[in-house]
């Protein structure tokens, strides 16, 4: 059942399941909390209280916001954690990976650990040589087209590329995304998020004190070398708190493509951190 939290002049939609320590699941731009639909049951079964959230402008959250940066999204996540009685583990995908970094650096008392899935957490650089990688070249063109023209068709073409192996309910998922992105304000929200540079998150990496798991797919089209990007994020964290895991054959939407594997990685990470504590 959808619940709502007023944050500033907007409302953030979320869905709460289970009992136990709190885990907040935050998706990427142009998506909704439905992307975690197959991950939530495993976390609940393992004894966690799970809040799957729609980012500002996405899903069932409101669309009129003055800011679309990772720092603003981090503020929303922290507001939700306070409301639900944290601390919480934040699992953030793509833009939300950067937001989770900021949240952990800003208020470590509210964030016990961070999991970043295919995160945009560092200032990005571009090299002409990267265009020799076909999946990266294709992904860049489709993303640029979706952002420039506000094209739902090109956004779905990107999602098709970014999810090399499709979940069983892929057609229903794409149909839902198509319908949601055609609602007033949804595409504009994605475009504005896409223009928000991740430098604000990269600047906070060195200030994170909580353990961080970074998970990248070997076929993620958002980077010519996904492993190098994940390793750079870990290298930007203080020594000893970051860990990188690669998912073979994974695209950008690891939690949609391989939910069981992602859930297993998250739970193993949390068990390890609990044992150390």
C-alpha atoms as a PDB file:
ATOM      1  CA  UNK A   1       0.000   0.000   0.000  1.00  0.00           C
ATOM      2  CA  UNK A   2       1.372   3.392  -0.975  1.00  0.00           C
ATOM      3  CA  UNK A   3       2.128   5.811   1.850  1.00  0.00           C
ATOM      4  CA  UNK A   4       3.168   9.439   1.482  1.00  0.00           C
ATOM      5  CA  UNK A   5       5.575  11.727   3.309  1.00  0.00           C
ATOM      6  CA  UNK A   6       5.475  15.491   2.944  1.00  0.00           C
ATOM      7  CA  UNK A   7       8.959  16.890   2.314  1.00  0.00           C
ATOM      8  CA  UNK A   8       9.127  20.628   1.798  1.00  0.00           C
ATOM      9  CA  UNK A   9       6.523  21.538  -0.794  1.00  0.00           C
ATOM     10  CA  UNK A  10       6.274  18.025  -2.254  1.00  0.00           C
ATOM     11  CA  UNK A  11       5.320  14.490  -1.323  1.00  0.00           C
ATOM     12  CA  UNK A  12       7.418  11.339  -1.486  1.00  0.00           C
ATOM     13  CA  UNK A  13       5.625   8.029  -2.072  1.00  0.00           C
ATOM     14  CA  UNK A  14       6.870   4.809  -0.520  1.00  0.00           C
ATOM     15  CA  UNK A  15       5.774   1.292   0.366  1.00  0.00           C
ATOM     16  CA  UNK A  16       6.706  -0.431   3.612  1.00  0.00           C
ATOM     17  CA  UNK A  17       7.047  -4.194   4.108  1.00  0.00           C
ATOM     18  CA  UNK A  18       8.281  -6.492   6.862  1.00  0.00           C
ATOM     19  CA  UNK A  19       9.688  -5.957  10.321  1.00  0.00           C
ATOM     20  CA  UNK A  20      13.218  -5.572  11.643  1.00  0.00           C
ATOM     21  CA  UNK A  21      16.156  -3.282  10.855  1.00  0.00           C
ATOM     22  CA  UNK A  22      15.292  -0.699   8.194  1.00  0.00           C
ATOM     23  CA  UNK A  23      16.456  -0.918   4.571  1.00  0.00           C
ATOM     24  CA  UNK A  24      15.544   1.885   2.161  1.00  0.00           C
ATOM     25  CA  UNK A  25      15.504   1.027  -1.561  1.00  0.00           C
ATOM     26  CA  UNK A  26      15.956   3.970  -3.928  1.00  0.00           C
ATOM     27  CA  UNK A  27      15.763   3.603  -7.728  1.00  0.00           C
ATOM     28  CA  UNK A  28      17.324   5.450 -10.658  1.00  0.00           C
ATOM     29  CA  UNK A  29      15.947   8.269 -12.807  1.00  0.00           C
ATOM     30  CA  UNK A  30      12.986   7.610 -15.068  1.00  0.00           C
ATOM     31  CA  UNK A  31      11.931   4.634 -12.965  1.00  0.00           C
ATOM     32  CA  UNK A  32       9.964   3.807  -9.818  1.00  0.00           C
ATOM     33  CA  UNK A  33      10.112   1.630  -6.733  1.00  0.00           C
ATOM     34  CA  UNK A  34       8.656  -1.180  -8.866  1.00  0.00           C
ATOM     35  CA  UNK A  35      12.199  -1.859 -10.077  1.00  0.00           C
ATOM     36  CA  UNK A  36      12.826  -3.538  -6.689  1.00  0.00           C
ATOM     37  CA  UNK A  37       9.670  -5.662  -6.804  1.00  0.00           C
ATOM     38  CA  UNK A  38      11.633  -8.955  -6.902  1.00  0.00           C
ATOM     39  CA  UNK A  39      14.237  -7.893  -4.300  1.00  0.00           C
ATOM     40  CA  UNK A  40      11.860  -6.824  -1.527  1.00  0.00           C
ATOM     41  CA  UNK A  41      10.549 -10.341  -0.652  1.00  0.00           C
ATOM     42  CA  UNK A  42      14.057 -11.726  -0.080  1.00  0.00           C
ATOM     43  CA  UNK A  43      14.982  -8.855   2.244  1.00  0.00           C
ATOM     44  CA  UNK A  44      11.701  -9.157   4.155  1.00  0.00           C
ATOM     45  CA  UNK A  45      12.165 -12.932   4.502  1.00  0.00           C
ATOM     46  CA  UNK A  46      15.656 -12.282   5.896  1.00  0.00           C
ATOM     47  CA  UNK A  47      14.177 -10.172   8.704  1.00  0.00           C
ATOM     48  CA  UNK A  48      14.333  -6.603   7.426  1.00  0.00           C
ATOM     49  CA  UNK A  49      11.787  -3.807   7.310  1.00  0.00           C
ATOM     50  CA  UNK A  50      11.940  -2.552   3.740  1.00  0.00           C
ATOM     51  CA  UNK A  51      10.882   0.858   2.471  1.00  0.00           C
ATOM     52  CA  UNK A  52      10.826   1.044  -1.327  1.00  0.00           C
ATOM     53  CA  UNK A  53      10.644   4.724  -2.259  1.00  0.00           C
ATOM     54  CA  UNK A  54       9.687   6.669  -5.374  1.00  0.00           C
ATOM     55  CA  UNK A  55      12.179   9.494  -5.927  1.00  0.00           C
ATOM     56  CA  UNK A  56      10.907  13.042  -6.267  1.00  0.00           C
ATOM     57  CA  UNK A  57       9.184  13.376  -9.644  1.00  0.00           C
ATOM     58  CA  UNK A  58       8.987   9.596 -10.130  1.00  0.00           C
ATOM     59  CA  UNK A  59       6.398   6.860  -9.633  1.00  0.00           C
ATOM     60  CA  UNK A  60       3.691   8.199  -7.352  1.00  0.00           C
ATOM     61  CA  UNK A  61       5.725  11.049  -5.856  1.00  0.00           C
ATOM     62  CA  UNK A  62       4.860  14.634  -6.752  1.00  0.00           C
ATOM     63  CA  UNK A  63       6.477  16.304  -9.751  1.00  0.00           C
ATOM     64  CA  UNK A  64       6.970  19.953  -8.771  1.00  0.00           C
ATOM     65  CA  UNK A  65      10.323  20.365  -7.042  1.00  0.00           C
ATOM     66  CA  UNK A  66      12.831  23.240  -7.124  1.00  0.00           C
ATOM     67  CA  UNK A  67      15.910  21.001  -7.282  1.00  0.00           C
ATOM     68  CA  UNK A  68      16.865  17.631  -8.793  1.00  0.00           C
ATOM     69  CA  UNK A  69      20.412  17.077  -7.526  1.00  0.00           C
ATOM     70  CA  UNK A  70      21.739  14.063  -5.670  1.00  0.00           C
ATOM     71  CA  UNK A  71      22.013  16.261  -2.582  1.00  0.00           C
ATOM     72  CA  UNK A  72      18.279  17.039  -2.799  1.00  0.00           C
ATOM     73  CA  UNK A  73      17.438  13.342  -3.201  1.00  0.00           C
ATOM     74  CA  UNK A  74      19.676  12.573  -0.209  1.00  0.00           C
ATOM     75  CA  UNK A  75      17.603  15.008   1.825  1.00  0.00           C
ATOM     76  CA  UNK A  76      14.423  13.154   0.849  1.00  0.00           C
ATOM     77  CA  UNK A  77      15.924   9.804   1.854  1.00  0.00           C
ATOM     78  CA  UNK A  78      17.089  11.157   5.201  1.00  0.00           C
ATOM     79  CA  UNK A  79      13.638  12.658   5.832  1.00  0.00           C
ATOM     80  CA  UNK A  80      12.069   9.253   5.191  1.00  0.00           C
ATOM     81  CA  UNK A  81      14.550   7.518   7.500  1.00  0.00           C
ATOM     82  CA  UNK A  82      13.784   9.985  10.274  1.00  0.00           C
ATOM     83  CA  UNK A  83      10.067   9.476   9.729  1.00  0.00           C
ATOM     84  CA  UNK A  84      10.375   5.684   9.894  1.00  0.00           C
ATOM     85  CA  UNK A  85      12.762   5.658  12.844  1.00  0.00           C
ATOM     86  CA  UNK A  86      16.240   4.910  11.527  1.00  0.00           C
ATOM     87  CA  UNK A  87      19.048   4.212  11.224  1.00  0.00           C
ATOM     88  CA  UNK A  88      18.762   2.508   7.848  1.00  0.00           C
ATOM     89  CA  UNK A  89      20.775   0.789   5.182  1.00  0.00           C
ATOM     90  CA  UNK A  90      20.328   2.689   1.912  1.00  0.00           C
ATOM     91  CA  UNK A  91      20.392   0.707  -1.327  1.00  0.00           C
ATOM     92  CA  UNK A  92      20.684   3.237  -4.141  1.00  0.00           C
ATOM     93  CA  UNK A  93      20.651   2.603  -7.880  1.00  0.00           C
ATOM     94  CA  UNK A  94      22.293   4.926 -10.417  1.00  0.00           C
ATOM     95  CA  UNK A  95      21.567   8.544  -9.359  1.00  0.00           C
ATOM     96  CA  UNK A  96      20.437   7.247  -5.958  1.00  0.00           C
ATOM     97  CA  UNK A  97      23.828   5.640  -5.405  1.00  0.00           C
ATOM     98  CA  UNK A  98      25.286   9.128  -5.346  1.00  0.00           C
ATOM     99  CA  UNK A  99      22.442  10.338  -3.144  1.00  0.00           C
ATOM    100  CA  UNK A 100      23.119   7.516  -0.676  1.00  0.00           C
ATOM    101  CA  UNK A 101      26.777   8.570  -0.518  1.00  0.00           C
ATOM    102  CA  UNK A 102      25.769  12.126   0.378  1.00  0.00           C
ATOM    103  CA  UNK A 103      23.239  10.936   2.962  1.00  0.00           C
ATOM    104  CA  UNK A 104      25.830   8.717   4.672  1.00  0.00           C
ATOM    105  CA  UNK A 105      28.414  11.509   4.760  1.00  0.00           C
ATOM    106  CA  UNK A 106      25.917  14.115   5.943  1.00  0.00           C
ATOM    107  CA  UNK A 107      24.185  12.157   8.714  1.00  0.00           C
ATOM    108  CA  UNK A 108      26.075   8.960   9.630  1.00  0.00           C
ATOM    109  CA  UNK A 109      23.866   8.458  12.678  1.00  0.00           C
ATOM    110  CA  UNK A 110      20.939   7.794  10.335  1.00  0.00           C
ATOM    111  CA  UNK A 111      22.772   5.597   7.790  1.00  0.00           C
ATOM    112  CA  UNK A 112      24.255   2.319   8.987  1.00  0.00           C
ATOM    113  CA  UNK A 113      25.529   1.113   5.581  1.00  0.00           C
ATOM    114  CA  UNK A 114      25.271   1.875   1.856  1.00  0.00           C
ATOM    115  CA  UNK A 115      24.829  -0.353  -1.185  1.00  0.00           C
ATOM    116  CA  UNK A 116      25.347   1.316  -4.561  1.00  0.00           C
ATOM    117  CA  UNK A 117      24.075  -0.456  -7.696  1.00  0.00           C
ATOM    118  CA  UNK A 118      25.538   0.854 -10.945  1.00  0.00           C
ATOM    119  CA  UNK A 119      26.021   4.221  -9.230  1.00  0.00           C
ATOM    120  CA  UNK A 120      26.709   7.625 -10.708  1.00  0.00           C
ATOM    121  CA  UNK A 121      28.712   8.852  -7.739  1.00  0.00           C
ATOM    122  CA  UNK A 122      31.735  10.538  -9.344  1.00  0.00           C
ATOM    123  CA  UNK A 123      32.310  13.367 -11.779  1.00  0.00           C
ATOM    124  CA  UNK A 124      32.206  11.718 -15.198  1.00  0.00           C
ATOM    125  CA  UNK A 125      34.838  12.060 -17.902  1.00  0.00           C
ATOM    126  CA  UNK A 126      34.600  11.242 -21.593  1.00  0.00           C
ATOM    127  CA  UNK A 127      37.273   9.833 -23.884  1.00  0.00           C
ATOM    128  CA  UNK A 128      36.832   9.378 -27.624  1.00  0.00           C
ATOM    129  CA  UNK A 129      38.332   5.921 -27.311  1.00  0.00           C
ATOM    130  CA  UNK A 130      35.365   4.864 -25.184  1.00  0.00           C
ATOM    131  CA  UNK A 131      33.158   5.059 -28.276  1.00  0.00           C
ATOM    132  CA  UNK A 132      34.869   1.959 -29.627  1.00  0.00           C
ATOM    133  CA  UNK A 133      32.851  -0.009 -27.054  1.00  0.00           C
ATOM    134  CA  UNK A 134      29.589  -0.719 -28.897  1.00  0.00           C
ATOM    135  CA  UNK A 135      27.244  -1.037 -25.910  1.00  0.00           C
ATOM    136  CA  UNK A 136      28.587   2.228 -24.451  1.00  0.00           C
ATOM    137  CA  UNK A 137      28.187   4.033 -27.772  1.00  0.00           C
ATOM    138  CA  UNK A 138      24.641   2.747 -28.213  1.00  0.00           C
ATOM    139  CA  UNK A 139      23.673   3.576 -24.644  1.00  0.00           C
ATOM    140  CA  UNK A 140      25.073   7.096 -24.890  1.00  0.00           C
ATOM    141  CA  UNK A 141      23.131   7.831 -28.087  1.00  0.00           C
ATOM    142  CA  UNK A 142      19.843   6.494 -26.719  1.00  0.00           C
ATOM    143  CA  UNK A 143      20.215   8.342 -23.428  1.00  0.00           C
ATOM    144  CA  UNK A 144      21.155  11.562 -25.164  1.00  0.00           C
ATOM    145  CA  UNK A 145      18.164  11.252 -27.489  1.00  0.00           C
ATOM    146  CA  UNK A 146      15.754  10.580 -24.634  1.00  0.00           C
ATOM    147  CA  UNK A 147      17.109  13.563 -22.692  1.00  0.00           C
ATOM    148  CA  UNK A 148      17.219  15.960 -25.638  1.00  0.00           C
ATOM    149  CA  UNK A 149      13.860  15.153 -27.184  1.00  0.00           C
ATOM    150  CA  UNK A 150      11.968  13.922 -24.123  1.00  0.00           C
ATOM    151  CA  UNK A 151      11.359  10.694 -26.028  1.00  0.00           C
ATOM    152  CA  UNK A 152       9.715   7.810 -24.201  1.00  0.00           C
ATOM    153  CA  UNK A 153      10.507   5.598 -27.203  1.00  0.00           C
ATOM    154  CA  UNK A 154      14.248   6.268 -26.916  1.00  0.00           C
ATOM    155  CA  UNK A 155      14.108   5.839 -23.141  1.00  0.00           C
ATOM    156  CA  UNK A 156      12.578   2.393 -23.593  1.00  0.00           C
ATOM    157  CA  UNK A 157      15.221   1.596 -26.229  1.00  0.00           C
ATOM    158  CA  UNK A 158      17.886   2.470 -23.668  1.00  0.00           C
ATOM    159  CA  UNK A 159      16.214   0.292 -21.021  1.00  0.00           C
ATOM    160  CA  UNK A 160      16.167  -2.613 -23.477  1.00  0.00           C
ATOM    161  CA  UNK A 161      19.929  -2.257 -23.998  1.00  0.00           C
ATOM    162  CA  UNK A 162      20.628  -1.705 -20.299  1.00  0.00           C
ATOM    163  CA  UNK A 163      18.819  -4.930 -19.336  1.00  0.00           C
ATOM    164  CA  UNK A 164      20.602  -7.587 -21.459  1.00  0.00           C
ATOM    165  CA  UNK A 165      18.714 -10.473 -19.831  1.00  0.00           C
ATOM    166  CA  UNK A 166      15.025  -9.730 -19.371  1.00  0.00           C
ATOM    167  CA  UNK A 167      12.957 -10.635 -16.301  1.00  0.00           C
ATOM    168  CA  UNK A 168       9.891 -12.793 -16.916  1.00  0.00           C
ATOM    169  CA  UNK A 169       7.531  -9.822 -16.531  1.00  0.00           C
ATOM    170  CA  UNK A 170       9.518  -7.538 -18.836  1.00  0.00           C
ATOM    171  CA  UNK A 171       6.600  -6.566 -21.078  1.00  0.00           C
ATOM    172  CA  UNK A 172       4.470  -5.592 -18.094  1.00  0.00           C
ATOM    173  CA  UNK A 173       7.364  -3.622 -16.605  1.00  0.00           C
ATOM    174  CA  UNK A 174       8.017  -1.706 -19.822  1.00  0.00           C
ATOM    175  CA  UNK A 175       4.310  -1.074 -20.250  1.00  0.00           C
ATOM    176  CA  UNK A 176       4.146   0.403 -16.761  1.00  0.00           C
ATOM    177  CA  UNK A 177       7.178   2.613 -17.407  1.00  0.00           C
ATOM    178  CA  UNK A 178       5.689   3.781 -20.707  1.00  0.00           C
ATOM    179  CA  UNK A 179       2.432   4.761 -19.007  1.00  0.00           C
ATOM    180  CA  UNK A 180       4.127   6.487 -16.068  1.00  0.00           C
ATOM    181  CA  UNK A 181       6.581   8.445 -18.204  1.00  0.00           C
ATOM    182  CA  UNK A 182       3.696   9.859 -20.249  1.00  0.00           C
ATOM    183  CA  UNK A 183       2.107  11.371 -17.130  1.00  0.00           C
ATOM    184  CA  UNK A 184       2.514  15.159 -16.835  1.00  0.00           C
ATOM    185  CA  UNK A 185       5.881  16.125 -15.388  1.00  0.00           C
ATOM    186  CA  UNK A 186       7.482  12.672 -15.339  1.00  0.00           C
ATOM    187  CA  UNK A 187       9.691  13.011 -18.420  1.00  0.00           C
ATOM    188  CA  UNK A 188      10.669  16.539 -17.416  1.00  0.00           C
ATOM    189  CA  UNK A 189      11.750  15.217 -14.014  1.00  0.00           C
ATOM    190  CA  UNK A 190      13.976  12.647 -15.704  1.00  0.00           C
ATOM    191  CA  UNK A 191      15.495  15.261 -18.000  1.00  0.00           C
ATOM    192  CA  UNK A 192      16.298  17.553 -15.081  1.00  0.00           C
ATOM    193  CA  UNK A 193      17.796  14.710 -13.043  1.00  0.00           C
ATOM    194  CA  UNK A 194      19.942  13.802 -16.029  1.00  0.00           C
ATOM    195  CA  UNK A 195      21.377  17.316 -16.090  1.00  0.00           C
ATOM    196  CA  UNK A 196      22.380  17.155 -12.416  1.00  0.00           C
ATOM    197  CA  UNK A 197      26.109  16.390 -12.348  1.00  0.00           C
ATOM    198  CA  UNK A 198      27.329  13.819  -9.789  1.00  0.00           C
ATOM    199  CA  UNK A 199      30.146  16.046  -8.527  1.00  0.00           C
ATOM    200  CA  UNK A 200      28.202  16.738  -5.314  1.00  0.00           C
ATOM    201  CA  UNK A 201      28.338  13.023  -4.489  1.00  0.00           C
ATOM    202  CA  UNK A 202      31.968  12.561  -5.513  1.00  0.00           C
ATOM    203  CA  UNK A 203      32.983  15.366  -3.176  1.00  0.00           C
ATOM    204  CA  UNK A 204      31.503  13.421  -0.243  1.00  0.00           C
ATOM    205  CA  UNK A 205      33.164  10.049  -0.849  1.00  0.00           C
ATOM    206  CA  UNK A 206      36.112  10.822   1.416  1.00  0.00           C
ATOM    207  CA  UNK A 207      33.733  11.818   4.241  1.00  0.00           C
ATOM    208  CA  UNK A 208      31.767   8.558   4.356  1.00  0.00           C
ATOM    209  CA  UNK A 209      32.396   6.537   7.516  1.00  0.00           C
ATOM    210  CA  UNK A 210      29.844   3.760   7.039  1.00  0.00           C
ATOM    211  CA  UNK A 211      30.588   0.544   5.086  1.00  0.00           C
ATOM    212  CA  UNK A 212      29.831   0.691   1.363  1.00  0.00           C
ATOM    213  CA  UNK A 213      29.184  -2.083  -1.153  1.00  0.00           C
ATOM    214  CA  UNK A 214      29.424  -1.097  -4.830  1.00  0.00           C
ATOM    215  CA  UNK A 215      27.903  -3.532  -7.340  1.00  0.00           C
ATOM    216  CA  UNK A 216      28.504  -3.156 -11.087  1.00  0.00           C
ATOM    217  CA  UNK A 217      27.400  -5.208 -14.075  1.00  0.00           C
ATOM    218  CA  UNK A 218      30.041  -6.245 -16.587  1.00  0.00           C
ATOM    219  CA  UNK A 219      27.730  -5.204 -19.457  1.00  0.00           C
ATOM    220  CA  UNK A 220      26.515  -1.898 -18.029  1.00  0.00           C
ATOM    221  CA  UNK A 221      26.267   0.402 -21.089  1.00  0.00           C
ATOM    222  CA  UNK A 222      26.704   3.558 -19.012  1.00  0.00           C
ATOM    223  CA  UNK A 223      30.466   3.027 -18.835  1.00  0.00           C
ATOM    224  CA  UNK A 224      33.013   1.721 -21.309  1.00  0.00           C
ATOM    225  CA  UNK A 225      34.708  -0.002 -18.349  1.00  0.00           C
ATOM    226  CA  UNK A 226      32.226  -0.624 -15.492  1.00  0.00           C
ATOM    227  CA  UNK A 227      34.870  -2.310 -13.327  1.00  0.00           C
ATOM    228  CA  UNK A 228      37.133   0.730 -13.527  1.00  0.00           C
ATOM    229  CA  UNK A 229      34.241   3.008 -12.502  1.00  0.00           C
ATOM    230  CA  UNK A 230      33.337   0.837  -9.513  1.00  0.00           C
ATOM    231  CA  UNK A 231      36.980   0.562  -8.442  1.00  0.00           C
ATOM    232  CA  UNK A 232      37.369   4.345  -8.642  1.00  0.00           C
ATOM    233  CA  UNK A 233      34.382   4.833  -6.316  1.00  0.00           C
ATOM    234  CA  UNK A 234      35.866   2.417  -3.779  1.00  0.00           C
ATOM    235  CA  UNK A 235      39.255   4.140  -4.103  1.00  0.00           C
ATOM    236  CA  UNK A 236      37.615   7.478  -3.306  1.00  0.00           C
ATOM    237  CA  UNK A 237      36.292   6.158   0.016  1.00  0.00           C
ATOM    238  CA  UNK A 238      38.390   6.007   3.187  1.00  0.00           C
ATOM    239  CA  UNK A 239      40.577   2.909   3.290  1.00  0.00           C
ATOM    240  CA  UNK A 240      38.883  -0.314   4.271  1.00  0.00           C
ATOM    241  CA  UNK A 241      35.205   0.683   4.142  1.00  0.00           C
ATOM    242  CA  UNK A 242      34.432   0.023   0.478  1.00  0.00           C
ATOM    243  CA  UNK A 243      34.034  -3.224  -1.438  1.00  0.00           C
ATOM    244  CA  UNK A 244      33.346  -3.867  -5.124  1.00  0.00           C
ATOM    245  CA  UNK A 245      31.398  -6.799  -6.563  1.00  0.00           C
ATOM    246  CA  UNK A 246      30.910  -7.466 -10.271  1.00  0.00           C
ATOM    247  CA  UNK A 247      27.892  -9.271 -11.721  1.00  0.00           C
ATOM    248  CA  UNK A 248      28.823 -11.153 -14.879  1.00  0.00           C
ATOM    249  CA  UNK A 249      26.453 -10.348 -17.734  1.00  0.00           C
ATOM    250  CA  UNK A 250      24.721  -7.656 -15.709  1.00  0.00           C
ATOM    251  CA  UNK A 251      23.588  -4.415 -17.291  1.00  0.00           C
ATOM    252  CA  UNK A 252      22.624  -1.200 -15.541  1.00  0.00           C
ATOM    253  CA  UNK A 253      19.493  -2.662 -13.907  1.00  0.00           C
ATOM    254  CA  UNK A 254      21.053  -5.450 -11.877  1.00  0.00           C
ATOM    255  CA  UNK A 255      18.208  -5.620  -9.366  1.00  0.00           C
ATOM    256  CA  UNK A 256      15.714  -6.099 -12.213  1.00  0.00           C
ATOM    257  CA  UNK A 257      17.849  -8.501 -14.220  1.00  0.00           C
ATOM    258  CA  UNK A 258      19.277 -10.630 -11.389  1.00  0.00           C
ATOM    259  CA  UNK A 259      17.215  -9.864  -8.255  1.00  0.00           C
ATOM    260  CA  UNK A 260      18.170 -13.066  -6.430  1.00  0.00           C
ATOM    261  CA  UNK A 261      21.873 -12.429  -6.944  1.00  0.00           C
ATOM    262  CA  UNK A 262      21.586  -8.795  -5.902  1.00  0.00           C
ATOM    263  CA  UNK A 263      19.591  -9.717  -2.787  1.00  0.00           C
ATOM    264  CA  UNK A 264      22.194 -12.370  -1.900  1.00  0.00           C
ATOM    265  CA  UNK A 265      25.037  -9.835  -2.268  1.00  0.00           C
ATOM    266  CA  UNK A 266      23.212  -7.294  -0.108  1.00  0.00           C
ATOM    267  CA  UNK A 267      22.391  -9.835   2.605  1.00  0.00           C
ATOM    268  CA  UNK A 268      25.934 -11.226   2.650  1.00  0.00           C
ATOM    269  CA  UNK A 269      27.272  -7.665   2.972  1.00  0.00           C
ATOM    270  CA  UNK A 270      24.909  -6.889   5.844  1.00  0.00           C
ATOM    271  CA  UNK A 271      25.742 -10.164   7.640  1.00  0.00           C
ATOM    272  CA  UNK A 272      29.447  -9.396   7.309  1.00  0.00           C
ATOM    273  CA  UNK A 273      29.005  -5.910   8.718  1.00  0.00           C
ATOM    274  CA  UNK A 274      26.857  -7.215  11.580  1.00  0.00           C
ATOM    275  CA  UNK A 275      29.524  -9.776  12.460  1.00  0.00           C
ATOM    276  CA  UNK A 276      32.200  -7.070  12.530  1.00  0.00           C
ATOM    277  CA  UNK A 277      30.047  -4.888  14.746  1.00  0.00           C
END
